[in-house]
Amino acid sequence: MLNPIPSVAQVSSPFLSVAVVLSDERAVPRLVELLIERSGLSQAEIARRMGIQSQSLNQYKIARRSRPSLQWLARLAETCGAKILVEFPQGYQNRG
C-alpha cells in the first residue's frame, strides 16, 4: 500500500512509468507540476499548445486554483505526452 504522503508517488520500471495520485489538497498542483516536468516542454510552450495563458497554467501549479475539470486535466496530460487513467478498487460496483 502506498503512503498517502506525498500526494503523487512515482512508480517506475523498465516497462512502465506511473504517477499514483492520492486525494489530498496538494494532489492536483503536484500532478500539474509533474506533467510539466516530465513533458520536457516549457510551461509557456504547454500553455501555447493548450491555447491558454502561461499564468493560468501556473495558477494550478501553485495551488491558487485547485479544481480543474477532468477534461482540462486530460488536455494537459495529452499536451504533455501523458495519459490519465482511472482505476477502480477491487470489489467496486457501479451504484448508479
Protein backbone atom coordinates (compact mmCIF):
# COMPACT_ATOMS: atom_id res chain seq x y z
CA MET A 1 0.00 0.00 0.00
CA LEU A 2 1.30 3.46 -0.87
CA ASN A 3 1.83 6.03 1.83
CA PRO A 4 -0.60 8.96 1.28
CA ILE A 5 2.24 11.50 1.59
CA PRO A 6 3.43 12.81 -0.86
CA SER A 7 0.27 13.21 -2.87
CA VAL A 8 1.92 11.90 -6.03
CA ALA A 9 4.03 8.76 -5.79
CA GLN A 10 6.16 7.84 -8.76
CA VAL A 11 6.49 4.19 -9.73
CA SER A 12 8.96 3.32 -12.47
CA SER A 13 10.05 0.11 -14.12
CA PRO A 14 11.75 -0.64 -17.44
CA PHE A 15 8.28 -1.14 -18.96
CA LEU A 16 6.09 1.40 -17.18
CA SER A 17 6.24 4.87 -15.68
CA VAL A 18 3.30 5.70 -13.43
CA ALA A 19 2.38 8.50 -11.06
CA VAL A 20 -0.20 7.50 -8.47
CA VAL A 21 -2.31 10.46 -7.38
CA LEU A 22 -3.91 10.28 -3.98
CA SER A 23 -6.66 12.59 -2.84
CA ASP A 24 -5.38 15.43 -0.73
CA GLU A 25 -5.22 19.20 -1.22
CA ARG A 26 -1.81 19.05 -2.98
CA ALA A 27 -2.73 16.28 -5.44
CA VAL A 28 -3.75 18.50 -8.37
CA PRO A 29 -0.92 21.05 -8.10
CA ARG A 30 1.64 18.26 -7.76
CA LEU A 31 0.16 16.41 -10.74
CA VAL A 32 0.29 19.58 -12.87
CA GLU A 33 3.90 20.13 -11.80
CA LEU A 34 4.82 16.52 -12.55
CA LEU A 35 3.20 16.61 -16.00
CA ILE A 36 5.12 19.79 -16.87
CA GLU A 37 8.43 18.40 -15.57
CA ARG A 38 8.14 15.08 -17.39
CA SER A 39 7.00 16.63 -20.68
CA GLY A 40 10.35 18.24 -21.41
CA LEU A 41 8.44 21.31 -22.63
CA SER A 42 8.47 24.76 -21.10
CA GLN A 43 5.42 25.94 -19.23
CA ALA A 44 4.99 28.66 -21.85
CA GLU A 45 5.04 26.09 -24.68
CA ILE A 46 2.50 23.86 -22.93
CA ALA A 47 0.20 26.86 -22.38
CA ARG A 48 0.58 27.90 -26.03
CA ARG A 49 -0.34 24.40 -27.24
CA MET A 50 -3.37 24.36 -24.94
CA GLY A 51 -4.48 27.80 -26.11
CA ILE A 52 -4.27 29.31 -22.62
CA GLN A 53 -2.05 31.85 -20.93
CA SER A 54 1.01 30.61 -19.06
CA GLN A 55 -0.29 32.41 -15.96
CA SER A 56 -3.42 30.25 -16.00
CA LEU A 57 -1.34 27.08 -16.01
CA ASN A 58 0.79 28.48 -13.21
CA GLN A 59 -2.31 29.13 -11.08
CA TYR A 60 -2.97 25.38 -10.94
CA LYS A 61 0.69 24.60 -10.37
CA ILE A 62 0.95 26.88 -7.32
CA ALA A 63 -2.48 25.83 -5.94
CA ARG A 64 -4.24 29.17 -6.40
CA ARG A 65 -6.78 27.19 -8.43
CA SER A 66 -7.34 23.69 -7.19
CA ARG A 67 -10.30 22.27 -9.06
CA PRO A 68 -9.67 21.94 -12.79
CA SER A 69 -12.18 19.88 -14.73
CA LEU A 70 -11.26 16.35 -15.70
CA GLN A 71 -11.44 17.50 -19.32
CA TRP A 72 -8.84 20.22 -18.60
CA LEU A 73 -6.54 17.72 -16.86
CA ALA A 74 -6.91 15.30 -19.78
CA ARG A 75 -5.99 18.09 -22.24
CA LEU A 76 -2.95 18.99 -20.12
CA ALA A 77 -1.86 15.35 -19.94
CA GLU A 78 -2.28 14.91 -23.70
CA THR A 79 -0.33 18.10 -24.38
CA CYS A 80 2.46 16.80 -22.13
CA GLY A 81 2.50 13.41 -23.86
CA ALA A 82 0.87 11.55 -20.96
CA LYS A 83 -2.38 9.73 -20.25
CA ILE A 84 -4.71 9.86 -17.27
CA LEU A 85 -6.11 6.51 -16.21
CA VAL A 86 -8.80 5.98 -13.57
CA GLU A 87 -8.65 2.76 -11.63
CA PHE A 88 -11.48 1.46 -9.51
CA PRO A 89 -10.61 -0.52 -6.39
CA GLN A 90 -11.22 -4.25 -6.43
CA GLY A 91 -14.77 -5.03 -5.48
CA TYR A 92 -16.10 -1.65 -6.66
CA GLN A 93 -19.58 -1.97 -8.02
CA ASN A 94 -21.49 0.55 -10.05
CA ARG A 95 -24.01 2.11 -7.69
CA GLY A 96 -25.85 4.04 -10.39
